[in-house]
C-alpha atoms as a PDB file:
ATOM      1  CA  MET A   1      10.211  11.534  20.271  1.00  0.00           C
ATOM      2  CA  ASN A   2      11.997  11.292  16.937  1.00  0.00           C
ATOM      3  CA  ALA A   3      14.401   8.717  18.391  1.00  0.00           C
ATOM      4  CA  ILE A   4      11.495   6.503  19.495  1.00  0.00           C
ATOM      5  CA  LEU A   5       9.959   6.599  16.021  1.00  0.00           C
ATOM      6  CA  ASP A   6      13.341   5.779  14.485  1.00  0.00           C
ATOM      7  CA  LEU A   7      13.700   2.848  16.884  1.00  0.00           C
ATOM      8  CA  ILE A   8      10.241   1.536  15.965  1.00  0.00           C
ATOM      9  CA  LEU A   9      11.065   1.771  12.268  1.00  0.00           C
ATOM     10  CA  ALA A  10      14.421   0.037  12.812  1.00  0.00           C
ATOM     11  CA  VAL A  11      12.801  -2.835  14.713  1.00  0.00           C
ATOM     12  CA  LEU A  12      10.183  -3.250  11.993  1.00  0.00           C
ATOM     13  CA  GLY A  13      12.925  -3.245   9.348  1.00  0.00           C
ATOM     14  CA  LEU A  14      14.936  -5.870  11.231  1.00  0.00           C
ATOM     15  CA  TYR A  15      11.867  -8.046  11.659  1.00  0.00           C
ATOM     16  CA  ARG A  16      11.164  -7.762   7.946  1.00  0.00           C
ATOM     17  CA  LEU A  17      14.749  -8.904   7.277  1.00  0.00           C
ATOM     18  CA  VAL A  18      14.375 -11.890   9.632  1.00  0.00           C
ATOM     19  CA  LEU A  19      11.126 -12.795   7.878  1.00  0.00           C
ATOM     20  CA  ILE A  20      12.834 -12.706   4.483  1.00  0.00           C
ATOM     21  CA  VAL A  21      15.716 -14.865   5.768  1.00  0.00           C
ATOM     22  CA  THR A  22      13.207 -17.377   7.156  1.00  0.00           C
ATOM     23  CA  ILE A  23      11.341 -17.557   3.846  1.00  0.00           C
ATOM     24  CA  ILE A  24      14.516 -18.013   1.799  1.00  0.00           C
ATOM     25  CA  MET A  25      15.914 -20.633   4.182  1.00  0.00           C
ATOM     26  CA  SER A  26      12.680 -22.630   4.030  1.00  0.00           C
ATOM     27  CA  TRP A  27      12.903 -22.629   0.217  1.00  0.00           C
ATOM     28  CA  LEU A  28      16.551 -23.691   0.355  1.00  0.00           C
ATOM     29  CA  PHE A  29      15.658 -26.553   2.713  1.00  0.00           C
ATOM     30  CA  THR A  30      12.829 -27.646   0.435  1.00  0.00           C
ATOM     31  CA  PHE A  31      15.015 -27.761  -2.660  1.00  0.00           C
ATOM     32  CA  GLY A  32      17.959 -29.378  -0.866  1.00  0.00           C
ATOM     33  CA  VAL A  33      20.353 -26.489  -1.414  1.00  0.00           C
ATOM     34  CA  ILE A  34      21.428 -26.196   2.226  1.00  0.00           C
ATOM     35  CA  ASN A  35      21.715 -28.918   4.822  1.00  0.00           C
ATOM     36  CA  ARG A  36      19.624 -28.499   7.960  1.00  0.00           C
ATOM     37  CA  TYR A  37      22.062 -30.700   9.907  1.00  0.00           C
ATOM     38  CA  ASN A  38      24.833 -28.104   9.614  1.00  0.00           C
ATOM     39  CA  GLN A  39      25.177 -26.574  13.075  1.00  0.00           C
ATOM     40  CA  ILE A  40      25.426 -22.946  11.904  1.00  0.00           C
ATOM     41  CA  VAL A  41      22.490 -23.299   9.510  1.00  0.00           C
ATOM     42  CA  ASP A  42      20.409 -24.993  12.198  1.00  0.00           C
ATOM     43  CA  THR A  43      21.204 -22.264  14.722  1.00  0.00           C
ATOM     44  CA  ILE A  44      20.207 -19.520  12.272  1.00  0.00           C
ATOM     45  CA  TRP A  45      17.019 -21.445  11.437  1.00  0.00           C
ATOM     46  CA  LYS A  46      16.095 -21.885  15.115  1.00  0.00           C
ATOM     47  CA  VAL A  47      16.614 -18.172  15.848  1.00  0.00           C
ATOM     48  CA  CYS A  48      14.613 -17.089  12.799  1.00  0.00           C
ATOM     49  CA  THR A  49      11.719 -19.449  13.503  1.00  0.00           C
ATOM     50  CA  ALA A  50      11.696 -18.509  17.193  1.00  0.00           C
ATOM     51  CA  LEU A  51      11.253 -14.880  16.153  1.00  0.00           C
ATOM     52  CA  THR A  52       8.704 -15.425  13.384  1.00  0.00           C
ATOM     53  CA  GLU A  53       6.533 -18.359  14.485  1.00  0.00           C
ATOM     54  CA  PRO A  54       4.655 -16.501  17.267  1.00  0.00           C
ATOM     55  CA  VAL A  55       3.427 -14.039  14.629  1.00  0.00           C
ATOM     56  CA  LEU A  56       2.942 -16.484  11.747  1.00  0.00           C
ATOM     57  CA  ARG A  57       1.088 -19.257  13.639  1.00  0.00           C
ATOM     58  CA  PRO A  58      -2.118 -17.280  14.402  1.00  0.00           C
ATOM     59  CA  ILE A  59      -2.266 -16.084  10.802  1.00  0.00           C
ATOM     60  CA  ARG A  60      -1.871 -19.658   9.540  1.00  0.00           C
ATOM     61  CA  ASN A  61      -4.812 -20.674  11.723  1.00  0.00           C
ATOM     62  CA  VAL A  62      -7.021 -18.002  10.111  1.00  0.00           C
ATOM     63  CA  LEU A  63      -5.978 -18.399   6.465  1.00  0.00           C
ATOM     64  CA  PRO A  64      -7.589 -21.204   4.462  1.00  0.00           C
ATOM     65  CA  ASN A  65      -5.486 -24.199   3.412  1.00  0.00           C
ATOM     66  CA  MET A  66      -3.873 -23.411   0.056  1.00  0.00           C
ATOM     67  CA  GLY A  67      -2.527 -26.897  -0.649  1.00  0.00           C
ATOM     68  CA  GLY A  68       0.968 -26.505   0.759  1.00  0.00           C
ATOM     69  CA  LEU A  69       1.335 -22.825  -0.114  1.00  0.00           C
ATOM     70  CA  ASP A  70       1.920 -20.759   3.019  1.00  0.00           C
ATOM     71  CA  LEU A  71       0.742 -17.175   2.557  1.00  0.00           C
ATOM     72  CA  SER A  72       1.173 -16.120   6.191  1.00  0.00           C
ATOM     73  CA  PRO A  73       4.647 -14.555   5.641  1.00  0.00           C
ATOM     74  CA  LEU A  74       3.158 -12.448   2.862  1.00  0.00           C
ATOM     75  CA  VAL A  75       0.402 -11.223   5.196  1.00  0.00           C
ATOM     76  CA  VAL A  76       2.958 -10.339   7.880  1.00  0.00           C
ATOM     77  CA  PHE A  77       5.223  -8.655   5.325  1.00  0.00           C
ATOM     78  CA  PHE A  78       2.369  -6.433   4.115  1.00  0.00           C
ATOM     79  CA  GLY A  79       1.423  -5.751   7.732  1.00  0.00           C
ATOM     80  CA  ILE A  80       4.956  -4.552   8.453  1.00  0.00           C
ATOM     81  CA  LEU A  81       4.898  -2.323   5.372  1.00  0.00           C
ATOM     82  CA  PHE A  82       1.570  -0.891   6.542  1.00  0.00           C
ATOM     83  CA  LEU A  83       2.930  -0.223  10.046  1.00  0.00           C
ATOM     84  CA  GLU A  84       6.049   1.464   8.661  1.00  0.00           C
ATOM     85  CA  SER A  85       3.939   3.672   6.426  1.00  0.00           C
ATOM     86  CA  PHE A  86       1.589   4.481   9.304  1.00  0.00           C
ATOM     87  CA  VAL A  87       4.467   5.481  11.572  1.00  0.00           C
ATOM     88  CA  ARG A  88       6.150   7.624   8.894  1.00  0.00           C
ATOM     89  CA  LYS A  89       3.132   9.359   7.388  1.00  0.00           C
ATOM     90  CA  ASP A  90       0.494   9.452  10.103  1.00  0.00           C
ATOM     91  CA  LEU A  91       2.071   9.049  13.516  1.00  0.00           C
ATOM     92  CA  ALA A  92       5.280  11.067  13.052  1.00  0.00           C
ATOM     93  CA  PRO A  93       3.610  14.346  11.995  1.00  0.00           C
ATOM     94  CA  ILE A  94       1.256  14.168  14.978  1.00  0.00           C
ATOM     95  CA  LEU A  95       3.987  13.444  17.530  1.00  0.00           C
ATOM     96  CA  LEU A  96       6.634  15.779  16.120  1.00  0.00           C
ATOM     97  CA  ARG A  97       4.599  19.017  16.158  1.00  0.00           C
END
């Protein structure tokens, strides 16, 4: 059971990393630091958005319009932190008795 909990925590950590990469890349695109037409950059962007958009889109639909400020990654980031804490502090002691 410990291995399953470790796997869940690893997947949540990887998703958090992909979310951070997506946020930073979107900032770099906005400020013209990296070129979206570079094939490697575009491939990384497509993979990151394919992984994050299914989670971010419903949250964007619920959140009010903030004038160009997208708070949905912040909501997902805090949700991941909550899930990690829940698994470590609440779920693990129950399952590992």
